[in-house]
Amino acid sequence: MFEIVQAGGILMMPIILCSVLAIAIIIERFWTLKPSRIAPRNMLPDVWAKIKQNQLNANELRELRNSSALGQILAAGLLSAKSGRTIMVESIEQAAGHVIHDMSRYLNLLGTIAQITPLLGLLGTVLGMIRVFTEIMAQGTGNANVLAGGISEALITTAAGLTVAIPTLLFYRFFQRRIDTLVVELERESIKLVDALHSSRTVDYKDANENENNEKNSNEAI
């Protein structure tokens, strides 16, 4: 392995650094973007039950805000609920903007890594080919083995760059899709809270349990 890295030249080092950074971001985002951490099940029914029982005090709101991304959004809406539906919706949208920004953290860097590693590999190959042709000018083309070895070494960086870029791009798209799905879920739960406080609609455990049972039945059917 060390021989391959050494043969690839100096540009193998930034490619390796990019791969390490990409792995770290992927692991961190997998943990951070777990659906159970962003939008825990039954959070909205629990909050609604506390509202109906007048148990949602300042400490409860603080714990709700610090519990998850959904809790942060719901807490922002509850703090401005008495100001009317419009103000409540604006507060929720503002909190949701911060939440979405946090969920998208490091993804731009991950996308950048997916874009620049093939270019670093190509640059390494071009520099390697320049060295090969320099040797040809100096020594001629009498030794085919030397030339073939030089060309293969020049292509190592391109292979390394693509090896890093392809999975990185896949994970980048995967996390983008997961964020889009989570945003839809957060929006749905927020709308439920707004409707429950400013209309005749209510939120209860029965609805949540039915949804969970439906999901289980759908998974079993699949």
N, C-alpha and C. Protein backbone atom coordinates (compact mmCIF):
# COMPACT_ATOMS: atom_id res chain seq x y z
N MET A 1 0.83 -1.21 0.00
CA MET A 1 0.00 0.00 0.00
C MET A 1 0.86 1.26 0.00
N PHE A 2 1.90 1.23 0.84
CA PHE A 2 2.78 2.39 0.90
C PHE A 2 3.48 2.61 -0.43
N GLU A 3 3.82 1.51 -1.10
CA GLU A 3 4.49 1.63 -2.39
C GLU A 3 3.58 2.30 -3.42
N ILE A 4 2.28 1.98 -3.37
CA ILE A 4 1.33 2.59 -4.30
C ILE A 4 1.21 4.08 -4.04
N VAL A 5 1.12 4.44 -2.76
CA VAL A 5 1.02 5.86 -2.39
C VAL A 5 2.28 6.60 -2.83
N GLN A 6 3.43 5.98 -2.59
CA GLN A 6 4.69 6.61 -2.97
C GLN A 6 4.80 6.75 -4.48
N ALA A 7 4.32 5.73 -5.19
CA ALA A 7 4.40 5.79 -6.66
C ALA A 7 3.48 6.85 -7.23
N GLY A 8 2.38 7.14 -6.55
CA GLY A 8 1.43 8.14 -7.04
C GLY A 8 1.94 9.56 -7.00
N GLY A 9 2.97 9.80 -6.21
CA GLY A 9 3.53 11.14 -6.16
C GLY A 9 2.95 12.00 -5.06
N ILE A 10 3.31 13.26 -5.08
CA ILE A 10 2.97 14.17 -3.99
C ILE A 10 1.47 14.44 -3.90
N LEU A 11 0.74 14.35 -5.00
CA LEU A 11 -0.69 14.63 -4.98
C LEU A 11 -1.51 13.52 -4.34
N MET A 12 -0.88 12.39 -4.02
CA MET A 12 -1.59 11.35 -3.28
C MET A 12 -1.90 11.80 -1.86
N MET A 13 -1.09 12.67 -1.30
CA MET A 13 -1.31 13.11 0.07
C MET A 13 -2.61 13.91 0.22
N PRO A 14 -2.88 14.93 -0.62
CA PRO A 14 -4.17 15.62 -0.49
C PRO A 14 -5.36 14.71 -0.78
N ILE A 15 -5.18 13.73 -1.67
CA ILE A 15 -6.28 12.80 -1.95
C ILE A 15 -6.57 11.95 -0.72
N ILE A 16 -5.53 11.49 -0.05
CA ILE A 16 -5.71 10.71 1.18
C ILE A 16 -6.36 11.56 2.27
N LEU A 17 -5.91 12.80 2.40
CA LEU A 17 -6.51 13.70 3.39
C LEU A 17 -7.99 13.93 3.11
N CYS A 18 -8.33 14.08 1.84
CA CYS A 18 -9.74 14.25 1.46
C CYS A 18 -10.56 13.01 1.81
N SER A 19 -9.97 11.82 1.63
CA SER A 19 -10.70 10.60 1.96
C SER A 19 -10.94 10.49 3.46
N VAL A 20 -9.96 10.85 4.26
CA VAL A 20 -10.13 10.81 5.72
C VAL A 20 -11.20 11.80 6.16
N LEU A 21 -11.16 13.00 5.60
CA LEU A 21 -12.15 14.01 5.94
C LEU A 21 -13.55 13.58 5.52
N ALA A 22 -13.66 12.98 4.34
CA ALA A 22 -14.97 12.52 3.87
C ALA A 22 -15.53 11.43 4.77
N ILE A 23 -14.69 10.50 5.20
CA ILE A 23 -15.15 9.43 6.10
C ILE A 23 -15.64 10.01 7.42
N ALA A 24 -14.91 10.99 7.96
CA ALA A 24 -15.30 11.61 9.22
C ALA A 24 -16.66 12.31 9.09
N ILE A 25 -16.87 13.03 7.99
CA ILE A 25 -18.13 13.73 7.78
C ILE A 25 -19.27 12.73 7.61
N ILE A 26 -19.04 11.67 6.87
CA ILE A 26 -20.09 10.67 6.64
C ILE A 26 -20.52 10.03 7.95
N ILE A 27 -19.56 9.65 8.79
CA ILE A 27 -19.90 9.05 10.08
C ILE A 27 -20.67 10.04 10.95
N GLU A 28 -20.21 11.29 10.99
CA GLU A 28 -20.88 12.31 11.82
C GLU A 28 -22.29 12.59 11.34
N ARG A 29 -22.48 12.67 10.03
CA ARG A 29 -23.82 12.96 9.49
C ARG A 29 -24.76 11.78 9.68
N PHE A 30 -24.25 10.56 9.60
CA PHE A 30 -25.09 9.39 9.84
C PHE A 30 -25.65 9.46 11.26
N TRP A 31 -24.82 9.84 12.21
CA TRP A 31 -25.26 9.92 13.60
C TRP A 31 -26.20 11.10 13.81
N THR A 32 -25.86 12.24 13.26
CA THR A 32 -26.64 13.45 13.49
C THR A 32 -27.99 13.41 12.80
N LEU A 33 -28.06 12.83 11.62
CA LEU A 33 -29.29 12.84 10.83
C LEU A 33 -30.14 11.59 11.02
N LYS A 34 -29.96 10.91 12.13
CA LYS A 34 -30.85 9.79 12.44
C LYS A 34 -32.27 10.33 12.64
N PRO A 35 -33.26 9.77 11.97
CA PRO A 35 -34.64 10.27 12.13
C PRO A 35 -35.11 10.32 13.57
N SER A 36 -34.67 9.37 14.38
CA SER A 36 -35.09 9.36 15.79
C SER A 36 -34.49 10.51 16.57
N ARG A 37 -33.39 11.07 16.11
CA ARG A 37 -32.79 12.23 16.78
C ARG A 37 -33.39 13.54 16.29
N ILE A 38 -33.79 13.58 15.03
CA ILE A 38 -34.34 14.80 14.46
C ILE A 38 -35.82 14.98 14.82
N ALA A 39 -36.61 13.94 14.60
CA ALA A 39 -38.06 14.01 14.85
C ALA A 39 -38.51 12.76 15.60
N PRO A 40 -38.33 12.73 16.92
CA PRO A 40 -38.70 11.54 17.70
C PRO A 40 -40.20 11.23 17.58
N ARG A 41 -40.53 9.96 17.59
CA ARG A 41 -41.93 9.54 17.52
C ARG A 41 -42.67 9.98 18.79
N ASN A 42 -43.94 10.33 18.60
CA ASN A 42 -44.85 10.68 19.71
C ASN A 42 -44.46 11.96 20.43
N MET A 43 -43.50 12.73 19.91
CA MET A 43 -43.16 13.99 20.58
C MET A 43 -44.34 14.96 20.56
N LEU A 44 -44.98 15.12 19.41
CA LEU A 44 -46.09 16.05 19.32
C LEU A 44 -47.27 15.64 20.21
N PRO A 45 -47.68 14.36 20.22
CA PRO A 45 -48.75 13.97 21.15
C PRO A 45 -48.37 14.20 22.61
N ASP A 46 -47.10 13.96 22.97
CA ASP A 46 -46.66 14.21 24.33
C ASP A 46 -46.79 15.70 24.68
N VAL A 47 -46.36 16.54 23.75
CA VAL A 47 -46.45 17.99 23.98
C VAL A 47 -47.91 18.42 24.09
N TRP A 48 -48.75 17.88 23.23
CA TRP A 48 -50.17 18.25 23.27
C TRP A 48 -50.82 17.81 24.57
N ALA A 49 -50.45 16.64 25.07
CA ALA A 49 -51.00 16.17 26.34
C ALA A 49 -50.60 17.10 27.49
N LYS A 50 -49.36 17.58 27.48
CA LYS A 50 -48.92 18.50 28.52
C LYS A 50 -49.63 19.85 28.40
N ILE A 51 -49.92 20.26 27.18
CA ILE A 51 -50.65 21.52 26.98
C ILE A 51 -52.05 21.39 27.57
N LYS A 52 -52.72 20.30 27.29
CA LYS A 52 -54.08 20.10 27.79
C LYS A 52 -54.13 19.99 29.31
N GLN A 53 -53.05 19.51 29.91
CA GLN A 53 -52.99 19.36 31.36
C GLN A 53 -52.31 20.54 32.05
N ASN A 54 -52.00 21.59 31.28
CA ASN A 54 -51.34 22.79 31.80
C ASN A 54 -50.02 22.45 32.51
N GLN A 55 -49.26 21.53 31.93
CA GLN A 55 -47.99 21.12 32.51
C GLN A 55 -46.79 21.64 31.72
N LEU A 56 -47.04 22.42 30.69
CA LEU A 56 -45.95 22.88 29.83
C LEU A 56 -45.44 24.22 30.35
N ASN A 57 -44.53 24.18 31.32
CA ASN A 57 -43.96 25.39 31.90
C ASN A 57 -42.66 25.76 31.20
N ALA A 58 -41.96 26.74 31.78
CA ALA A 58 -40.73 27.23 31.16
C ALA A 58 -39.65 26.15 31.12
N ASN A 59 -39.55 25.35 32.18
CA ASN A 59 -38.55 24.28 32.20
C ASN A 59 -38.85 23.22 31.15
N GLU A 60 -40.13 22.89 31.01
CA GLU A 60 -40.52 21.92 30.00
C GLU A 60 -40.21 22.42 28.59
N LEU A 61 -40.47 23.71 28.36
CA LEU A 61 -40.16 24.28 27.05
C LEU A 61 -38.66 24.27 26.78
N ARG A 62 -37.86 24.53 27.83
CA ARG A 62 -36.41 24.52 27.66
C ARG A 62 -35.92 23.11 27.32
N GLU A 63 -36.46 22.13 28.03
CA GLU A 63 -36.08 20.74 27.74
C GLU A 63 -36.55 20.33 26.34
N LEU A 64 -37.72 20.79 25.95
CA LEU A 64 -38.24 20.48 24.62
C LEU A 64 -37.34 21.07 23.55
N ARG A 65 -36.91 22.31 23.74
CA ARG A 65 -36.07 22.98 22.76
C ARG A 65 -34.72 22.29 22.61
N ASN A 66 -34.19 21.76 23.70
CA ASN A 66 -32.87 21.13 23.67
C ASN A 66 -32.92 19.64 23.33
N SER A 67 -34.10 19.08 23.20
CA SER A 67 -34.22 17.63 23.01
C SER A 67 -33.92 17.19 21.59
N SER A 68 -34.38 17.94 20.61
CA SER A 68 -34.24 17.53 19.21
C SER A 68 -34.54 18.70 18.30
N ALA A 69 -34.36 18.47 17.00
CA ALA A 69 -34.68 19.51 16.03
C ALA A 69 -36.17 19.81 16.02
N LEU A 70 -36.99 18.77 16.07
CA LEU A 70 -38.44 18.98 16.12
C LEU A 70 -38.84 19.70 17.40
N GLY A 71 -38.22 19.34 18.50
CA GLY A 71 -38.50 20.02 19.75
C GLY A 71 -38.15 21.50 19.69
N GLN A 72 -37.07 21.83 19.02
CA GLN A 72 -36.67 23.24 18.87
C GLN A 72 -37.73 24.01 18.08
N ILE A 73 -38.26 23.40 17.04
CA ILE A 73 -39.27 24.07 16.22
C ILE A 73 -40.58 24.22 16.99
N LEU A 74 -41.00 23.15 17.66
CA LEU A 74 -42.25 23.20 18.41
C LEU A 74 -42.17 24.20 19.55
N ALA A 75 -41.03 24.25 20.22
CA ALA A 75 -40.86 25.21 21.32
C ALA A 75 -40.95 26.64 20.80
N ALA A 76 -40.35 26.91 19.65
CA ALA A 76 -40.43 28.26 19.07
C ALA A 76 -41.87 28.63 18.75
N GLY A 77 -42.63 27.67 18.24
CA GLY A 77 -44.03 27.95 17.94
C GLY A 77 -44.86 28.17 19.20
N LEU A 78 -44.61 27.38 20.24
CA LEU A 78 -45.39 27.50 21.48
C LEU A 78 -45.12 28.81 22.19
N LEU A 79 -43.88 29.30 22.11
CA LEU A 79 -43.55 30.56 22.78
C LEU A 79 -44.29 31.75 22.17
N SER A 80 -44.66 31.64 20.90
CA SER A 80 -45.36 32.74 20.24
C SER A 80 -46.81 32.38 19.90
N ALA A 81 -47.32 31.31 20.50
CA ALA A 81 -48.66 30.85 20.15
C ALA A 81 -49.74 31.87 20.51
N LYS A 82 -49.55 32.59 21.62
CA LYS A 82 -50.55 33.55 22.06
C LYS A 82 -50.60 34.80 21.21
N SER A 83 -49.61 34.99 20.36
CA SER A 83 -49.57 36.17 19.50
C SER A 83 -50.36 36.01 18.22
N GLY A 84 -50.97 34.86 18.03
CA GLY A 84 -51.77 34.63 16.83
C GLY A 84 -51.12 33.63 15.90
N ARG A 85 -51.92 33.13 14.99
CA ARG A 85 -51.46 32.10 14.07
C ARG A 85 -50.32 32.58 13.18
N THR A 86 -50.44 33.80 12.67
CA THR A 86 -49.42 34.31 11.74
C THR A 86 -48.07 34.41 12.42
N ILE A 87 -48.03 34.99 13.60
CA ILE A 87 -46.77 35.14 14.33
C ILE A 87 -46.20 33.78 14.69
N MET A 88 -47.07 32.85 15.06
CA MET A 88 -46.62 31.51 15.41
C MET A 88 -45.97 30.83 14.21
N VAL A 89 -46.61 30.95 13.05
CA VAL A 89 -46.05 30.34 11.84
C VAL A 89 -44.70 30.97 11.49
N GLU A 90 -44.59 32.28 11.64
CA GLU A 90 -43.32 32.95 11.35
C GLU A 90 -42.22 32.48 12.29
N SER A 91 -42.56 32.30 13.57
CA SER A 91 -41.57 31.81 14.53
C SER A 91 -41.12 30.40 14.19
N ILE A 92 -42.07 29.57 13.79
CA ILE A 92 -41.74 28.20 13.39
C ILE A 92 -40.84 28.20 12.16
N GLU A 93 -41.15 29.03 11.19
CA GLU A 93 -40.34 29.09 9.97
C GLU A 93 -38.92 29.55 10.28
N GLN A 94 -38.81 30.53 11.19
CA GLN A 94 -37.48 31.01 11.55
C GLN A 94 -36.67 29.92 12.25
N ALA A 95 -37.30 29.23 13.18
CA ALA A 95 -36.61 28.13 13.86
C ALA A 95 -36.27 27.01 12.89
N ALA A 96 -37.19 26.73 11.96
CA ALA A 96 -36.94 25.67 10.97
C ALA A 96 -35.75 26.02 10.08
N GLY A 97 -35.58 27.30 9.77
CA GLY A 97 -34.43 27.72 8.97
C GLY A 97 -33.12 27.39 9.66
N HIS A 98 -33.05 27.64 10.97
CA HIS A 98 -31.84 27.30 11.72
C HIS A 98 -31.63 25.79 11.77
N VAL A 99 -32.71 25.05 11.94
CA VAL A 99 -32.62 23.59 12.01
C VAL A 99 -32.11 23.02 10.68
N ILE A 100 -32.67 23.49 9.58
CA ILE A 100 -32.25 23.00 8.26
C ILE A 100 -30.79 23.34 7.99
N HIS A 101 -30.38 24.53 8.43
CA HIS A 101 -28.98 24.92 8.27
C HIS A 101 -28.07 23.97 9.04
N ASP A 102 -28.47 23.61 10.26
CA ASP A 102 -27.67 22.67 11.06
C ASP A 102 -27.64 21.28 10.43
N MET A 103 -28.77 20.85 9.88
CA MET A 103 -28.81 19.53 9.26
C MET A 103 -27.92 19.47 8.01
N SER A 104 -27.76 20.60 7.34
CA SER A 104 -26.96 20.65 6.11
C SER A 104 -25.49 20.91 6.38
N ARG A 105 -25.12 20.98 7.64
CA ARG A 105 -23.73 21.29 7.99
C ARG A 105 -22.78 20.24 7.40
N TYR A 106 -21.67 20.68 6.87
CA TYR A 106 -20.60 19.87 6.30
C TYR A 106 -20.95 19.25 4.94
N LEU A 107 -22.21 19.36 4.50
CA LEU A 107 -22.55 18.73 3.23
C LEU A 107 -21.90 19.44 2.05
N ASN A 108 -21.78 20.76 2.13
CA ASN A 108 -21.08 21.48 1.06
C ASN A 108 -19.63 21.02 0.95
N LEU A 109 -19.01 20.80 2.12
CA LEU A 109 -17.64 20.32 2.12
C LEU A 109 -17.56 18.92 1.53
N LEU A 110 -18.55 18.08 1.86
CA LEU A 110 -18.57 16.73 1.30
C LEU A 110 -18.73 16.76 -0.21
N GLY A 111 -19.61 17.64 -0.70
CA GLY A 111 -19.78 17.78 -2.14
C GLY A 111 -18.53 18.32 -2.82
N THR A 112 -17.83 19.23 -2.13
CA THR A 112 -16.59 19.77 -2.69
C THR A 112 -15.53 18.68 -2.81
N ILE A 113 -15.44 17.82 -1.80
CA ILE A 113 -14.48 16.71 -1.85
C ILE A 113 -14.78 15.81 -3.04
N ALA A 114 -16.07 15.53 -3.26
CA ALA A 114 -16.46 14.67 -4.38
C ALA A 114 -16.08 15.30 -5.72
N GLN A 115 -16.00 16.62 -5.77
CA GLN A 115 -15.68 17.29 -7.03
C GLN A 115 -14.18 17.45 -7.26
N ILE A 116 -13.44 17.73 -6.19
CA ILE A 116 -12.02 18.07 -6.39
C ILE A 116 -11.11 16.84 -6.43
N THR A 117 -11.51 15.72 -5.80
CA THR A 117 -10.60 14.57 -5.79
C THR A 117 -10.34 14.00 -7.19
N PRO A 118 -11.34 13.92 -8.08
CA PRO A 118 -10.99 13.49 -9.45
C PRO A 118 -10.06 14.47 -10.14
N LEU A 119 -10.22 15.76 -9.86
CA LEU A 119 -9.35 16.76 -10.48
C LEU A 119 -7.93 16.64 -9.95
N LEU A 120 -7.79 16.37 -8.64
CA LEU A 120 -6.45 16.15 -8.09
C LEU A 120 -5.81 14.91 -8.72
N GLY A 121 -6.63 13.86 -8.90
CA GLY A 121 -6.10 12.67 -9.54
C GLY A 121 -5.68 12.92 -10.97
N LEU A 122 -6.49 13.69 -11.70
CA LEU A 122 -6.15 14.02 -13.09
C LEU A 122 -4.88 14.86 -13.15
N LEU A 123 -4.76 15.80 -12.22
CA LEU A 123 -3.55 16.62 -12.19
C LEU A 123 -2.32 15.76 -11.93
N GLY A 124 -2.46 14.81 -11.01
CA GLY A 124 -1.34 13.91 -10.75
C GLY A 124 -0.96 13.10 -11.96
N THR A 125 -1.96 12.65 -12.70
CA THR A 125 -1.70 11.88 -13.92
C THR A 125 -1.01 12.73 -14.98
N VAL A 126 -1.47 13.96 -15.13
CA VAL A 126 -0.85 14.86 -16.12
C VAL A 126 0.61 15.11 -15.76
N LEU A 127 0.88 15.37 -14.49
CA LEU A 127 2.26 15.60 -14.07
C LEU A 127 3.11 14.35 -14.29
N GLY A 128 2.50 13.17 -14.01
CA GLY A 128 3.24 11.93 -14.25
C GLY A 128 3.54 11.70 -15.71
N MET A 129 2.58 12.01 -16.58
CA MET A 129 2.81 11.84 -18.01
C MET A 129 3.87 12.82 -18.51
N ILE A 130 3.90 14.01 -17.92
CA ILE A 130 4.94 14.96 -18.31
C ILE A 130 6.32 14.40 -17.99
N ARG A 131 6.43 13.76 -16.82
CA ARG A 131 7.72 13.15 -16.45
C ARG A 131 8.07 12.01 -17.41
N VAL A 132 7.07 11.23 -17.80
CA VAL A 132 7.32 10.12 -18.73
C VAL A 132 7.84 10.64 -20.07
N PHE A 133 7.20 11.65 -20.60
CA PHE A 133 7.64 12.18 -21.90
C PHE A 133 8.99 12.89 -21.80
N THR A 134 9.27 13.43 -20.63
CA THR A 134 10.60 14.01 -20.42
C THR A 134 11.67 12.93 -20.50
N GLU A 135 11.36 11.75 -19.89
CA GLU A 135 12.30 10.63 -19.97
C GLU A 135 12.46 10.14 -21.41
N ILE A 136 11.35 10.15 -22.15
CA ILE A 136 11.43 9.72 -23.55
C ILE A 136 12.34 10.65 -24.34
N MET A 137 12.22 11.94 -24.11
CA MET A 137 13.07 12.91 -24.81
C MET A 137 14.54 12.73 -24.43
N ALA A 138 14.77 12.35 -23.17
CA ALA A 138 16.15 12.25 -22.71
C ALA A 138 16.79 10.92 -23.10
N GLN A 139 16.00 9.79 -23.02
CA GLN A 139 16.59 8.47 -23.21
C GLN A 139 16.05 7.74 -24.43
N GLY A 140 15.02 8.29 -25.08
CA GLY A 140 14.43 7.61 -26.21
C GLY A 140 13.41 6.59 -25.77
N THR A 141 12.95 5.77 -26.71
CA THR A 141 11.88 4.80 -26.43
C THR A 141 12.39 3.37 -26.46
N GLY A 142 13.66 3.19 -26.17
CA GLY A 142 14.24 1.86 -26.26
C GLY A 142 13.74 0.90 -25.19
N ASN A 143 13.46 1.40 -23.98
CA ASN A 143 13.06 0.53 -22.88
C ASN A 143 11.55 0.64 -22.67
N ALA A 144 10.81 -0.29 -23.25
CA ALA A 144 9.35 -0.23 -23.15
C ALA A 144 8.86 -0.49 -21.74
N ASN A 145 9.56 -1.33 -20.98
CA ASN A 145 9.13 -1.64 -19.61
C ASN A 145 9.17 -0.40 -18.72
N VAL A 146 10.21 0.37 -18.88
CA VAL A 146 10.32 1.60 -18.09
C VAL A 146 9.19 2.56 -18.43
N LEU A 147 8.89 2.68 -19.72
CA LEU A 147 7.81 3.58 -20.13
C LEU A 147 6.46 3.10 -19.60
N ALA A 148 6.20 1.79 -19.71
CA ALA A 148 4.93 1.25 -19.22
C ALA A 148 4.80 1.44 -17.71
N GLY A 149 5.91 1.23 -17.00
CA GLY A 149 5.87 1.44 -15.56
C GLY A 149 5.61 2.89 -15.20
N GLY A 150 6.22 3.80 -15.93
CA GLY A 150 5.99 5.22 -15.66
C GLY A 150 4.56 5.63 -15.92
N ILE A 151 3.97 5.11 -17.00
CA ILE A 151 2.58 5.45 -17.33
C ILE A 151 1.62 4.88 -16.27
N SER A 152 1.87 3.64 -15.85
CA SER A 152 1.00 3.04 -14.83
C SER A 152 1.07 3.82 -13.52
N GLU A 153 2.26 4.28 -13.16
CA GLU A 153 2.40 5.08 -11.95
C GLU A 153 1.66 6.41 -12.09
N ALA A 154 1.69 6.97 -13.29
CA ALA A 154 1.01 8.25 -13.50
C ALA A 154 -0.50 8.11 -13.36
N LEU A 155 -1.05 6.93 -13.68
CA LEU A 155 -2.49 6.73 -13.61
C LEU A 155 -2.99 6.40 -12.20
N ILE A 156 -2.07 6.17 -11.27
CA ILE A 156 -2.46 5.81 -9.90
C ILE A 156 -3.29 6.93 -9.27
N THR A 157 -2.88 8.16 -9.47
CA THR A 157 -3.59 9.26 -8.82
C THR A 157 -5.02 9.41 -9.35
N THR A 158 -5.22 9.18 -10.64
CA THR A 158 -6.58 9.24 -11.19
C THR A 158 -7.45 8.16 -10.58
N ALA A 159 -6.91 6.95 -10.48
CA ALA A 159 -7.66 5.86 -9.85
C ALA A 159 -7.98 6.17 -8.40
N ALA A 160 -7.01 6.73 -7.67
CA ALA A 160 -7.23 7.08 -6.27
C ALA A 160 -8.29 8.17 -6.13
N GLY A 161 -8.21 9.18 -6.99
CA GLY A 161 -9.19 10.27 -6.94
C GLY A 161 -10.60 9.78 -7.19
N LEU A 162 -10.77 8.91 -8.17
CA LEU A 162 -12.10 8.37 -8.47
C LEU A 162 -12.60 7.45 -7.36
N THR A 163 -11.68 6.71 -6.75
CA THR A 163 -12.06 5.83 -5.64
C THR A 163 -12.62 6.62 -4.47
N VAL A 164 -12.09 7.80 -4.25
CA VAL A 164 -12.60 8.65 -3.17
C VAL A 164 -13.86 9.38 -3.61
N ALA A 165 -13.90 9.85 -4.84
CA ALA A 165 -14.99 10.73 -5.29
C ALA A 165 -16.31 9.99 -5.45
N ILE A 166 -16.29 8.78 -5.97
CA ILE A 166 -17.55 8.08 -6.28
C ILE A 166 -18.37 7.80 -5.02
N PRO A 167 -17.82 7.14 -3.99
CA PRO A 167 -18.64 6.93 -2.79
C PRO A 167 -18.99 8.22 -2.07
N THR A 168 -18.08 9.20 -2.12
CA THR A 168 -18.37 10.48 -1.47
C THR A 168 -19.57 11.15 -2.12
N LEU A 169 -19.65 11.13 -3.44
CA LEU A 169 -20.78 11.71 -4.15
C LEU A 169 -22.08 10.97 -3.82
N LEU A 170 -22.00 9.65 -3.73
CA LEU A 170 -23.19 8.86 -3.38
C LEU A 170 -23.72 9.23 -2.00
N PHE A 171 -22.83 9.35 -1.04
CA PHE A 171 -23.26 9.72 0.31
C PHE A 171 -23.76 11.15 0.35
N TYR A 172 -23.16 12.02 -0.43
CA TYR A 172 -23.64 13.40 -0.50
C TYR A 172 -25.08 13.46 -0.98
N ARG A 173 -25.40 12.72 -2.04
CA ARG A 173 -26.78 12.66 -2.54
C ARG A 173 -27.71 12.00 -1.52
N PHE A 174 -27.21 10.97 -0.86
CA PHE A 174 -28.01 10.26 0.14
C PHE A 174 -28.41 11.19 1.28
N PHE A 175 -27.46 11.96 1.78
CA PHE A 175 -27.77 12.87 2.90
C PHE A 175 -28.69 14.01 2.46
N GLN A 176 -28.52 14.47 1.24
CA GLN A 176 -29.44 15.49 0.74
C GLN A 176 -30.87 14.96 0.70
N ARG A 177 -31.03 13.74 0.24
CA ARG A 177 -32.36 13.13 0.18
C ARG A 177 -32.93 12.92 1.58
N ARG A 178 -32.09 12.51 2.52
CA ARG A 178 -32.57 12.32 3.89
C ARG A 178 -33.01 13.64 4.50
N ILE A 179 -32.27 14.70 4.25
CA ILE A 179 -32.65 16.02 4.78
C ILE A 179 -33.99 16.45 4.20
N ASP A 180 -34.19 16.25 2.90
CA ASP A 180 -35.47 16.60 2.29
C ASP A 180 -36.62 15.84 2.95
N THR A 181 -36.42 14.57 3.22
CA THR A 181 -37.45 13.76 3.87
C THR A 181 -37.73 14.25 5.29
N LEU A 182 -36.67 14.57 6.02
CA LEU A 182 -36.83 15.05 7.39
C LEU A 182 -37.50 16.41 7.43
N VAL A 183 -37.21 17.25 6.47
CA VAL A 183 -37.84 18.57 6.41
C VAL A 183 -39.35 18.43 6.22
N VAL A 184 -39.76 17.50 5.36
CA VAL A 184 -41.19 17.26 5.16
C VAL A 184 -41.84 16.79 6.46
N GLU A 185 -41.18 15.92 7.19
CA GLU A 185 -41.71 15.42 8.45
C GLU A 185 -41.82 16.55 9.49
N LEU A 186 -40.80 17.39 9.57
CA LEU A 186 -40.83 18.52 10.50
C LEU A 186 -41.95 19.49 10.15
N GLU A 187 -42.12 19.74 8.87
CA GLU A 187 -43.19 20.63 8.43
C GLU A 187 -44.56 20.07 8.78
N ARG A 188 -44.73 18.78 8.58
CA ARG A 188 -46.02 18.16 8.87
C ARG A 188 -46.36 18.24 10.36
N GLU A 189 -45.38 17.95 11.21
CA GLU A 189 -45.62 17.99 12.65
C GLU A 189 -45.89 19.43 13.12
N SER A 190 -45.20 20.39 12.54
CA SER A 190 -45.40 21.79 12.91
C SER A 190 -46.79 22.26 12.53
N ILE A 191 -47.24 21.88 11.35
CA ILE A 191 -48.58 22.27 10.90
C ILE A 191 -49.64 21.67 11.82
N LYS A 192 -49.41 20.44 12.26
CA LYS A 192 -50.35 19.81 13.19
C LYS A 192 -50.48 20.63 14.48
N LEU A 193 -49.35 21.10 14.99
CA LEU A 193 -49.38 21.90 16.22
C LEU A 193 -50.11 23.21 16.01
N VAL A 194 -49.83 23.89 14.90
CA VAL A 194 -50.49 25.16 14.62
C VAL A 194 -52.00 24.96 14.49
N ASP A 195 -52.41 23.94 13.77
CA ASP A 195 -53.84 23.66 13.59
C ASP A 195 -54.50 23.29 14.92
N ALA A 196 -53.78 22.57 15.76
CA ALA A 196 -54.35 22.15 17.03
C ALA A 196 -54.58 23.34 17.97
N LEU A 197 -53.70 24.32 17.92
CA LEU A 197 -53.81 25.47 18.81
C LEU A 197 -54.74 26.55 18.28
N HIS A 198 -54.92 26.61 16.97
CA HIS A 198 -55.70 27.70 16.38
C HIS A 198 -56.89 27.20 15.57
N SER A 199 -57.33 25.99 15.84
CA SER A 199 -58.54 25.47 15.22
C SER A 199 -59.11 24.39 16.14
N SER A 200 -60.10 23.70 15.67
CA SER A 200 -60.74 22.67 16.48
C SER A 200 -60.03 21.34 16.40
N ARG A 201 -58.95 21.26 15.63
CA ARG A 201 -58.23 20.01 15.47
C ARG A 201 -57.45 19.69 16.73
N THR A 202 -57.33 18.41 17.07
CA THR A 202 -56.57 17.97 18.23
C THR A 202 -55.53 16.95 17.83
N VAL A 203 -54.59 16.75 18.73
CA VAL A 203 -53.54 15.77 18.53
C VAL A 203 -53.59 14.79 19.68
N ASP A 204 -53.63 13.50 19.40
CA ASP A 204 -53.66 12.53 20.48
C ASP A 204 -52.77 11.34 20.15
N TYR A 205 -52.62 10.46 21.14
CA TYR A 205 -51.76 9.30 20.98
C TYR A 205 -52.34 8.31 19.99
N LYS A 206 -53.63 8.29 19.86
CA LYS A 206 -54.27 7.33 18.97
C LYS A 206 -53.80 7.52 17.54
N ASP A 207 -53.76 8.79 17.09
CA ASP A 207 -53.31 9.07 15.73
C ASP A 207 -51.88 8.59 15.53
N ALA A 208 -51.02 8.85 16.52
CA ALA A 208 -49.61 8.47 16.39
C ALA A 208 -49.46 6.96 16.36
N ASN A 209 -50.22 6.27 17.23
CA ASN A 209 -50.12 4.82 17.26
C ASN A 209 -50.65 4.20 15.98
N GLU A 210 -51.72 4.78 15.44
CA GLU A 210 -52.26 4.27 14.18
C GLU A 210 -51.26 4.43 13.06
N ASN A 211 -50.59 5.59 13.02
CA ASN A 211 -49.59 5.80 11.98
C ASN A 211 -48.46 4.80 12.10
N GLU A 212 -48.05 4.54 13.38
CA GLU A 212 -46.95 3.59 13.59
C GLU A 212 -47.36 2.20 13.17
N ASN A 213 -48.63 1.80 13.52
CA ASN A 213 -49.11 0.48 13.12
C ASN A 213 -49.21 0.36 11.61
N ASN A 214 -49.66 1.45 10.96
CA ASN A 214 -49.76 1.42 9.50
C ASN A 214 -48.40 1.24 8.85
N GLU A 215 -47.37 1.92 9.43
CA GLU A 215 -46.03 1.80 8.89
C GLU A 215 -45.53 0.37 9.06
N LYS A 216 -45.81 -0.24 10.27
CA LYS A 216 -45.38 -1.62 10.49
C LYS A 216 -46.06 -2.57 9.51
N ASN A 217 -47.37 -2.37 9.29
CA ASN A 217 -48.09 -3.23 8.36
C ASN A 217 -47.56 -3.08 6.95
N SER A 218 -47.21 -1.84 6.57
CA SER A 218 -46.66 -1.61 5.23
C SER A 218 -45.32 -2.31 5.08
N ASN A 219 -44.48 -2.23 6.14
CA ASN A 219 -43.19 -2.88 6.07
C ASN A 219 -43.32 -4.39 5.98
N GLU A 220 -44.30 -4.96 6.75
CA GLU A 220 -44.52 -6.40 6.69
C GLU A 220 -45.00 -6.81 5.31
N ALA A 221 -45.86 -5.96 4.70
CA ALA A 221 -46.38 -6.28 3.36
C ALA A 221 -45.28 -6.29 2.34
N ILE A 222 -44.34 -5.36 2.51
CA ILE A 222 -43.21 -5.31 1.58
C ILE A 222 -42.34 -6.55 1.74
